[in-house]
Amino acid sequence: MNTNLNSIGLDKNLAQQLAGGLNELLASYQIFYQNLRGFHWNIRGEKFFELHLKFEELYNDAILKIDEVAERILTLGNTPLHSYSDYIKTSFIAEAKNLSDAKSTLDTTLNNFQTLLIKQRELLKVAQEAGDEGSVTLLSDYISQQEKTVWMLSAYLNK
């Protein structure tokens, strides 16, 4: 048995590096999720009905990704972050407070997606270097899906 490999046959050092990046992604998703919940609860104005539903759709998707990322960290042999204090310190996404209009909530959501996409592309390179097909597939799927969502939200805003 090769002692430089973890239980799924990946280089321990590369798996550790990848798990660290995935923990940053996990923290960012947690803040993204909470931002979306706040937008869902607090949206006001003529676009209320459609955006209330859209934000619910987006936060339901985010919560699934949170679980998948945490489980991937565990699969790599590491511990996922699991406290809000760690999420706040580690996230690349900032908390969004007191936003209730369509433009500011959607602009913030688009900026958050951009942040997630950049981070996921960085992690994809690390996963490819590690030969970690599980993480590659996960990240590739997220990127593809989110690029389409960004396109649709941008079209909605006429950007």
C-alpha atoms as a PDB file:
ATOM      1  CA  MET A   1       0.000   0.000   0.000  1.00  0.00           C
ATOM      2  CA  ASN A   2       1.356   3.399  -1.031  1.00  0.00           C
ATOM      3  CA  THR A   3       1.460   5.651   2.055  1.00  0.00           C
ATOM      4  CA  ASN A   4       1.530   8.801  -0.101  1.00  0.00           C
ATOM      5  CA  LEU A   5      -2.010   8.036  -1.279  1.00  0.00           C
ATOM      6  CA  ASN A   6      -5.275   8.566   0.562  1.00  0.00           C
ATOM      7  CA  SER A   7      -8.022   5.951   0.794  1.00  0.00           C
ATOM      8  CA  ILE A   8      -9.350   6.723  -2.710  1.00  0.00           C
ATOM      9  CA  GLY A   9      -5.908   6.548  -4.321  1.00  0.00           C
ATOM     10  CA  LEU A  10      -5.111  10.259  -4.631  1.00  0.00           C
ATOM     11  CA  ASP A  11      -1.882  11.910  -3.598  1.00  0.00           C
ATOM     12  CA  LYS A  12      -2.436  12.996   0.020  1.00  0.00           C
ATOM     13  CA  ASN A  13      -0.856  16.422  -0.449  1.00  0.00           C
ATOM     14  CA  LEU A  14      -2.900  17.237  -3.556  1.00  0.00           C
ATOM     15  CA  ALA A  15      -6.067  15.925  -1.886  1.00  0.00           C
ATOM     16  CA  GLN A  16      -5.331  18.121   1.154  1.00  0.00           C
ATOM     17  CA  GLN A  17      -4.822  21.172  -1.080  1.00  0.00           C
ATOM     18  CA  LEU A  18      -8.036  20.422  -2.957  1.00  0.00           C
ATOM     19  CA  ALA A  19      -9.992  19.894   0.273  1.00  0.00           C
ATOM     20  CA  GLY A  20      -8.768  23.277   1.525  1.00  0.00           C
ATOM     21  CA  GLY A  21     -10.055  24.946  -1.622  1.00  0.00           C
ATOM     22  CA  LEU A  22     -13.313  23.034  -1.387  1.00  0.00           C
ATOM     23  CA  ASN A  23     -13.728  24.296   2.183  1.00  0.00           C
ATOM     24  CA  GLU A  24     -13.379  27.848   0.853  1.00  0.00           C
ATOM     25  CA  LEU A  25     -15.995  26.988  -1.760  1.00  0.00           C
ATOM     26  CA  LEU A  26     -18.226  25.453   0.923  1.00  0.00           C
ATOM     27  CA  ALA A  27     -18.006  28.614   3.033  1.00  0.00           C
ATOM     28  CA  SER A  28     -18.782  30.749  -0.019  1.00  0.00           C
ATOM     29  CA  TYR A  29     -21.802  28.610  -0.874  1.00  0.00           C
ATOM     30  CA  GLN A  30     -23.099  28.944   2.682  1.00  0.00           C
ATOM     31  CA  ILE A  31     -22.976  32.744   2.512  1.00  0.00           C
ATOM     32  CA  PHE A  32     -24.416  32.675  -1.027  1.00  0.00           C
ATOM     33  CA  TYR A  33     -27.248  30.466   0.250  1.00  0.00           C
ATOM     34  CA  GLN A  34     -28.032  32.842   3.108  1.00  0.00           C
ATOM     35  CA  ASN A  35     -27.945  35.836   0.760  1.00  0.00           C
ATOM     36  CA  LEU A  36     -30.465  34.096  -1.495  1.00  0.00           C
ATOM     37  CA  ARG A  37     -32.703  33.279   1.489  1.00  0.00           C
ATOM     38  CA  GLY A  38     -32.644  36.925   2.501  1.00  0.00           C
ATOM     39  CA  PHE A  39     -33.503  38.040  -1.029  1.00  0.00           C
ATOM     40  CA  HIS A  40     -36.353  35.509  -1.136  1.00  0.00           C
ATOM     41  CA  TRP A  41     -37.768  36.761   2.155  1.00  0.00           C
ATOM     42  CA  ASN A  42     -37.300  40.474   1.559  1.00  0.00           C
ATOM     43  CA  ILE A  43     -37.853  41.078  -2.167  1.00  0.00           C
ATOM     44  CA  ARG A  44     -40.298  43.919  -2.840  1.00  0.00           C
ATOM     45  CA  GLY A  45     -41.755  45.596  -5.880  1.00  0.00           C
ATOM     46  CA  GLU A  46     -43.438  44.715  -9.129  1.00  0.00           C
ATOM     47  CA  LYS A  47     -41.157  41.714  -9.743  1.00  0.00           C
ATOM     48  CA  PHE A  48     -41.979  40.182  -6.340  1.00  0.00           C
ATOM     49  CA  PHE A  49     -43.777  37.040  -7.489  1.00  0.00           C
ATOM     50  CA  GLU A  50     -41.277  35.945 -10.124  1.00  0.00           C
ATOM     51  CA  LEU A  51     -38.175  36.832  -8.075  1.00  0.00           C
ATOM     52  CA  HIS A  52     -39.550  35.313  -4.861  1.00  0.00           C
ATOM     53  CA  LEU A  53     -39.831  32.006  -6.747  1.00  0.00           C
ATOM     54  CA  LYS A  54     -36.490  32.402  -8.549  1.00  0.00           C
ATOM     55  CA  PHE A  55     -34.586  33.045  -5.322  1.00  0.00           C
ATOM     56  CA  GLU A  56     -36.238  29.969  -3.780  1.00  0.00           C
ATOM     57  CA  GLU A  57     -35.147  27.893  -6.782  1.00  0.00           C
ATOM     58  CA  LEU A  58     -31.601  29.222  -6.460  1.00  0.00           C
ATOM     59  CA  TYR A  59     -31.285  28.645  -2.711  1.00  0.00           C
ATOM     60  CA  ASN A  60     -32.683  25.125  -3.047  1.00  0.00           C
ATOM     61  CA  ASP A  61     -29.995  24.421  -5.633  1.00  0.00           C
ATOM     62  CA  ALA A  62     -27.315  26.004  -3.421  1.00  0.00           C
ATOM     63  CA  ILE A  63     -28.234  23.830  -0.436  1.00  0.00           C
ATOM     64  CA  LEU A  64     -27.790  20.704  -2.561  1.00  0.00           C
ATOM     65  CA  LYS A  65     -24.366  21.916  -3.668  1.00  0.00           C
ATOM     66  CA  ILE A  66     -23.403  22.663  -0.059  1.00  0.00           C
ATOM     67  CA  ASP A  67     -24.074  19.050   0.870  1.00  0.00           C
ATOM     68  CA  GLU A  68     -22.237  17.693  -2.182  1.00  0.00           C
ATOM     69  CA  VAL A  69     -19.166  19.856  -1.552  1.00  0.00           C
ATOM     70  CA  ALA A  70     -19.069  18.871   2.144  1.00  0.00           C
ATOM     71  CA  GLU A  71     -19.347  15.198   1.213  1.00  0.00           C
ATOM     72  CA  ARG A  72     -16.570  15.582  -1.363  1.00  0.00           C
ATOM     73  CA  ILE A  73     -14.311  17.077   1.326  1.00  0.00           C
ATOM     74  CA  LEU A  74     -15.060  14.050   3.504  1.00  0.00           C
ATOM     75  CA  THR A  75     -14.388  11.694   0.592  1.00  0.00           C
ATOM     76  CA  LEU A  76     -10.970  13.325   0.172  1.00  0.00           C
ATOM     77  CA  GLY A  77     -10.260  12.470   3.821  1.00  0.00           C
ATOM     78  CA  ASN A  78     -10.773  15.895   5.379  1.00  0.00           C
ATOM     79  CA  THR A  79     -13.303  17.703   7.568  1.00  0.00           C
ATOM     80  CA  PRO A  80     -15.733  20.214   6.092  1.00  0.00           C
ATOM     81  CA  LEU A  81     -16.140  23.547   7.821  1.00  0.00           C
ATOM     82  CA  HIS A  82     -19.366  23.577   9.782  1.00  0.00           C
ATOM     83  CA  SER A  83     -19.646  26.813  11.766  1.00  0.00           C
ATOM     84  CA  TYR A  84     -20.899  30.180  10.613  1.00  0.00           C
ATOM     85  CA  SER A  85     -17.875  31.898  12.170  1.00  0.00           C
ATOM     86  CA  ASP A  86     -15.642  29.794   9.892  1.00  0.00           C
ATOM     87  CA  TYR A  87     -17.871  30.515   6.907  1.00  0.00           C
ATOM     88  CA  ILE A  88     -17.663  34.274   7.467  1.00  0.00           C
ATOM     89  CA  LYS A  89     -13.852  34.139   7.813  1.00  0.00           C
ATOM     90  CA  THR A  90     -13.327  31.846   4.831  1.00  0.00           C
ATOM     91  CA  SER A  91     -15.951  32.869   2.265  1.00  0.00           C
ATOM     92  CA  PHE A  92     -15.068  34.758  -0.898  1.00  0.00           C
ATOM     93  CA  ILE A  93     -18.657  36.012  -0.946  1.00  0.00           C
ATOM     94  CA  ALA A  94     -19.729  38.818   1.363  1.00  0.00           C
ATOM     95  CA  GLU A  95     -22.946  38.895   3.316  1.00  0.00           C
ATOM     96  CA  ALA A  96     -25.637  40.969   1.626  1.00  0.00           C
ATOM     97  CA  LYS A  97     -27.819  42.844   4.092  1.00  0.00           C
ATOM     98  CA  ASN A  98     -31.014  44.814   3.702  1.00  0.00           C
ATOM     99  CA  LEU A  99     -31.435  44.394  -0.043  1.00  0.00           C
ATOM    100  CA  SER A 100     -35.019  44.191  -1.231  1.00  0.00           C
ATOM    101  CA  ASP A 101     -35.243  45.629  -4.759  1.00  0.00           C
ATOM    102  CA  ALA A 102     -34.923  43.610  -7.956  1.00  0.00           C
ATOM    103  CA  LYS A 103     -31.845  45.354  -9.337  1.00  0.00           C
ATOM    104  CA  SER A 104     -29.649  45.178  -6.231  1.00  0.00           C
ATOM    105  CA  THR A 105     -30.602  41.594  -5.380  1.00  0.00           C
ATOM    106  CA  LEU A 106     -30.013  40.373  -8.928  1.00  0.00           C
ATOM    107  CA  ASP A 107     -26.779  42.341  -9.325  1.00  0.00           C
ATOM    108  CA  THR A 108     -25.513  40.850  -6.066  1.00  0.00           C
ATOM    109  CA  THR A 109     -26.590  37.359  -7.160  1.00  0.00           C
ATOM    110  CA  LEU A 110     -24.757  37.749 -10.483  1.00  0.00           C
ATOM    111  CA  ASN A 111     -21.619  38.980  -8.696  1.00  0.00           C
ATOM    112  CA  ASN A 112     -21.837  36.017  -6.312  1.00  0.00           C
ATOM    113  CA  PHE A 113     -22.151  33.606  -9.235  1.00  0.00           C
ATOM    114  CA  GLN A 114     -19.106  35.194 -10.870  1.00  0.00           C
ATOM    115  CA  THR A 115     -17.130  34.681  -7.645  1.00  0.00           C
ATOM    116  CA  LEU A 116     -18.227  31.040  -7.437  1.00  0.00           C
ATOM    117  CA  LEU A 117     -17.386  30.410 -11.091  1.00  0.00           C
ATOM    118  CA  ILE A 118     -13.879  31.853 -10.733  1.00  0.00           C
ATOM    119  CA  LYS A 119     -13.191  29.778  -7.604  1.00  0.00           C
ATOM    120  CA  GLN A 120     -14.606  26.616  -9.174  1.00  0.00           C
ATOM    121  CA  ARG A 121     -12.423  27.027 -12.271  1.00  0.00           C
ATOM    122  CA  GLU A 122      -9.357  27.383 -10.034  1.00  0.00           C
ATOM    123  CA  LEU A 123     -10.311  24.244  -8.115  1.00  0.00           C
ATOM    124  CA  LEU A 124     -10.998  22.395 -11.355  1.00  0.00           C
ATOM    125  CA  LYS A 125      -7.336  22.861 -12.330  1.00  0.00           C
ATOM    126  CA  VAL A 126      -6.180  21.477  -8.963  1.00  0.00           C
ATOM    127  CA  ALA A 127      -8.579  18.521  -9.280  1.00  0.00           C
ATOM    128  CA  GLN A 128      -7.304  17.790 -12.798  1.00  0.00           C
ATOM    129  CA  GLU A 129      -3.694  17.931 -11.582  1.00  0.00           C
ATOM    130  CA  ALA A 130      -4.582  15.502  -8.772  1.00  0.00           C
ATOM    131  CA  GLY A 131      -6.326  13.137 -11.194  1.00  0.00           C
ATOM    132  CA  ASP A 132      -9.470  13.522  -9.087  1.00  0.00           C
ATOM    133  CA  GLU A 133     -12.279  12.712 -11.537  1.00  0.00           C
ATOM    134  CA  GLY A 134     -14.919  12.914  -8.792  1.00  0.00           C
ATOM    135  CA  SER A 135     -14.105  16.565  -8.047  1.00  0.00           C
ATOM    136  CA  VAL A 136     -13.569  17.350 -11.747  1.00  0.00           C
ATOM    137  CA  THR A 137     -17.049  16.077 -12.601  1.00  0.00           C
ATOM    138  CA  LEU A 138     -18.665  17.894  -9.685  1.00  0.00           C
ATOM    139  CA  LEU A 139     -17.008  21.208 -10.509  1.00  0.00           C
ATOM    140  CA  SER A 140     -17.555  20.893 -14.267  1.00  0.00           C
ATOM    141  CA  ASP A 141     -21.253  20.261 -13.726  1.00  0.00           C
ATOM    142  CA  TYR A 142     -21.546  23.290 -11.418  1.00  0.00           C
ATOM    143  CA  ILE A 143     -19.713  25.540 -13.880  1.00  0.00           C
ATOM    144  CA  SER A 144     -21.829  24.496 -16.841  1.00  0.00           C
ATOM    145  CA  GLN A 145     -25.094  24.934 -14.951  1.00  0.00           C
ATOM    146  CA  GLN A 146     -24.128  28.274 -13.430  1.00  0.00           C
ATOM    147  CA  GLU A 147     -22.899  29.756 -16.693  1.00  0.00           C
ATOM    148  CA  LYS A 148     -26.377  29.156 -18.116  1.00  0.00           C
ATOM    149  CA  THR A 149     -27.999  30.690 -15.024  1.00  0.00           C
ATOM    150  CA  VAL A 150     -25.774  33.774 -15.333  1.00  0.00           C
ATOM    151  CA  TRP A 151     -26.716  34.107 -18.992  1.00  0.00           C
ATOM    152  CA  MET A 152     -30.427  33.894 -18.131  1.00  0.00           C
ATOM    153  CA  LEU A 153     -30.243  36.362 -15.227  1.00  0.00           C
ATOM    154  CA  SER A 154     -28.206  38.749 -17.369  1.00  0.00           C
ATOM    155  CA  ALA A 155     -30.807  38.507 -20.146  1.00  0.00           C
ATOM    156  CA  TYR A 156     -33.532  39.191 -17.562  1.00  0.00           C
ATOM    157  CA  LEU A 157     -31.675  42.357 -16.536  1.00  0.00           C
ATOM    158  CA  ASN A 158     -31.035  43.202 -20.204  1.00  0.00           C
ATOM    159  CA  LYS A 159     -27.258  43.231 -19.625  1.00  0.00           C
END
